[in-house]
Protein backbone atom coordinates (compact mmCIF):
# COMPACT_ATOMS: atom_id res chain seq x y z
CA MET A 1 50.60 -25.84 -20.74
CA THR A 2 53.27 -23.20 -20.53
CA GLU A 3 53.92 -21.88 -17.03
CA HIS A 4 53.25 -18.19 -16.54
CA SER A 5 54.15 -16.12 -13.53
CA ILE A 6 51.12 -14.68 -11.78
CA ARG A 7 50.65 -10.93 -12.06
CA PHE A 8 49.26 -9.98 -8.66
CA PHE A 9 47.32 -6.83 -7.82
CA THR A 10 48.28 -4.33 -5.15
CA THR A 11 45.08 -2.33 -4.65
CA ASP A 12 41.33 -2.70 -4.72
CA ALA A 13 41.27 0.23 -7.15
CA GLU A 14 43.20 -1.75 -9.79
CA ILE A 15 40.55 -4.46 -9.66
CA ALA A 16 37.63 -2.03 -9.69
CA HIS A 17 39.24 -0.36 -12.73
CA LEU A 18 39.15 -3.70 -14.56
CA GLY A 19 35.57 -4.54 -13.61
CA GLU A 20 34.24 -1.09 -14.39
CA GLY A 21 36.41 -0.88 -17.51
CA LEU A 22 34.90 -4.12 -18.80
CA LEU A 23 31.41 -2.73 -18.23
CA ALA A 24 32.26 0.57 -19.95
CA CYS A 25 34.50 -0.93 -22.69
CA SER A 26 37.15 1.52 -21.57
CA LEU A 27 40.11 -0.81 -20.99
CA ALA A 28 43.09 -0.93 -23.28
CA LYS A 29 43.37 -4.27 -25.10
CA GLU A 30 46.71 -4.91 -23.35
CA GLU A 31 45.02 -4.71 -19.95
CA TRP A 32 42.76 -7.69 -20.74
CA THR A 33 45.06 -10.45 -19.43
CA HIS A 34 44.15 -13.79 -17.86
CA GLU A 35 44.45 -12.18 -14.43
CA ALA A 36 42.26 -9.27 -15.55
CA HIS A 37 39.54 -11.66 -16.74
CA LEU A 38 39.46 -13.36 -13.34
CA ALA A 39 39.73 -10.11 -11.36
CA ALA A 40 36.91 -8.50 -13.34
CA CYS A 41 34.68 -11.56 -12.90
CA LEU A 42 35.32 -11.73 -9.15
CA TYR A 43 34.69 -7.99 -8.91
CA LEU A 44 31.37 -8.29 -10.73
CA LEU A 45 30.27 -11.27 -8.63
CA ALA A 46 31.35 -9.80 -5.29
CA GLU A 47 30.97 -6.04 -5.69
CA ARG A 48 28.30 -5.44 -8.34
CA PRO A 49 25.10 -7.25 -7.34
CA ASP A 50 23.29 -5.09 -9.91
CA VAL A 51 25.04 -7.02 -12.69
CA ASP A 52 23.53 -10.42 -13.49
CA VAL A 53 26.80 -12.11 -14.41
CA ASP A 54 25.14 -15.27 -15.73
CA ALA A 55 22.87 -13.33 -18.07
CA GLU A 56 25.31 -10.58 -19.07
CA ILE A 57 28.86 -11.97 -19.15
CA ALA A 58 28.77 -13.17 -22.77
CA GLY A 59 27.58 -9.79 -24.02
CA LEU A 60 29.98 -7.85 -21.79
CA ILE A 61 33.09 -9.70 -22.95
CA SER A 62 31.99 -9.90 -26.60
CA ARG A 63 31.24 -6.18 -26.68
CA PHE A 64 34.58 -5.40 -25.04
CA ASN A 65 36.45 -7.59 -27.55
CA GLU A 66 34.79 -5.73 -30.42
CA SER A 67 35.55 -2.34 -28.82
CA VAL A 68 39.28 -3.06 -29.08
CA GLY A 69 39.10 -4.38 -32.63
CA GLY A 70 38.62 -8.05 -31.81
CA VAL A 71 36.30 -10.48 -33.52
CA ASN A 72 34.10 -13.04 -31.79
CA ASP A 73 33.94 -15.96 -34.20
CA ASP A 74 34.60 -19.69 -34.42
CA GLU A 75 38.36 -19.19 -33.98
CA GLY A 76 38.79 -16.31 -31.58
CA GLY A 77 37.32 -13.85 -29.16
CA TYR A 78 34.69 -14.76 -26.61
CA HIS A 79 34.69 -18.41 -25.48
CA ASP A 80 31.45 -19.26 -23.68
CA THR A 81 32.39 -22.56 -22.05
CA ILE A 82 35.71 -21.34 -20.67
CA THR A 83 34.07 -18.18 -19.35
CA ARG A 84 31.20 -20.01 -17.69
CA ALA A 85 33.56 -22.60 -16.20
CA TYR A 86 35.58 -19.80 -14.60
CA VAL A 87 32.40 -18.09 -13.34
CA ALA A 88 31.50 -21.36 -11.59
CA GLY A 89 35.03 -21.70 -10.23
CA ILE A 90 35.15 -18.13 -8.95
CA ARG A 91 31.75 -18.47 -7.28
CA HIS A 92 32.95 -21.67 -5.62
CA PHE A 93 36.17 -19.96 -4.53
CA LEU A 94 34.25 -17.00 -3.07
CA SER A 95 32.02 -19.32 -1.06
CA GLY A 96 35.03 -20.71 0.78
CA THR A 97 37.52 -17.88 1.10
CA ALA A 98 38.23 -16.16 4.42
CA GLU A 99 39.70 -13.13 2.63
CA THR A 100 37.63 -9.98 3.05
CA ARG A 101 39.48 -7.29 1.07
CA LEU A 102 38.92 -7.31 -2.67
CA VAL A 103 42.63 -7.39 -3.50
CA GLY A 104 43.14 -10.24 -1.02
CA ARG A 105 40.34 -12.28 -2.57
CA VAL A 106 41.58 -11.73 -6.12
CA ASN A 107 45.20 -12.54 -5.30
CA ALA A 108 44.16 -15.65 -3.36
CA LEU A 109 42.04 -16.71 -6.36
CA LEU A 110 45.01 -16.25 -8.67
CA GLU A 111 47.11 -18.49 -6.41
CA SER A 112 44.40 -21.15 -6.17
CA ALA A 113 43.77 -24.01 -8.55
CA ALA A 114 40.79 -22.11 -10.00
CA GLY A 115 43.10 -19.27 -10.99
CA ARG A 116 45.29 -21.40 -13.23
CA ARG A 117 45.14 -20.95 -16.99
CA ASP A 118 44.66 -24.69 -17.44
CA TRP A 119 42.04 -25.10 -14.68
CA PRO A 120 39.13 -25.87 -17.07
CA LEU A 121 41.06 -28.85 -18.44
CA GLY A 122 40.42 -30.63 -15.14
CA PHE A 123 36.78 -30.79 -16.22
CA TYR A 124 37.03 -30.88 -20.02
CA SER A 125 39.04 -32.82 -22.55
CA HIS A 126 41.16 -30.54 -24.73
CA ALA A 127 39.19 -31.58 -27.82
CA LEU A 128 35.83 -30.66 -26.32
CA LEU A 129 36.95 -27.46 -24.60
CA PHE A 130 38.54 -26.04 -27.73
CA SER A 131 35.75 -27.07 -30.08
CA VAL A 132 33.61 -24.55 -31.96
CA PRO A 133 30.44 -25.59 -30.08
CA ALA A 134 32.21 -24.93 -26.75
CA ARG A 135 33.35 -21.51 -27.95
CA ARG A 136 29.90 -20.55 -29.25
CA GLY A 137 27.83 -21.85 -26.31
CA PHE A 138 28.17 -23.64 -23.01
CA VAL A 139 28.84 -27.36 -23.22
CA ALA A 140 28.77 -29.67 -20.23
CA PRO A 141 32.09 -31.06 -19.02
CA ASP A 142 33.15 -34.50 -20.20
CA ARG A 143 35.69 -35.27 -17.43
CA ALA A 144 34.20 -34.07 -14.13
CA PRO A 145 31.35 -31.81 -13.02
CA LEU A 146 32.10 -28.15 -12.47
CA PRO A 147 32.02 -26.98 -8.84
CA VAL A 148 28.75 -25.60 -7.50
């Protein structure tokens, strides 16, 4: 996996913008980075109890992708298994963090193992994770159980 420098956030407002922008499909396509995915998910889990992340995340991300001209198909767009693995990882991270400010929690997540771009590969073989069934629906890990 190619190393990427982490793009940290400086304010709670930046993170709220991403979470609310995902909900409203109002983000620019360029804003939807790896860090933005994780920040928006943490925001929804921690700050928006009215959003049922488990039930709604697939539709939220798919709808956003389409709003910026993307396609959700067998080769691109929304990836259910990767998304749900990160939701599990972010929930697990939140259960153990001492950080209280939103920006502190998100930046600590990005520095943690669960914030890495290759984190799901600790639980999934490359072949399974990048398969069409894993993109289209959740598949159970074949290397190790996801954190609870």
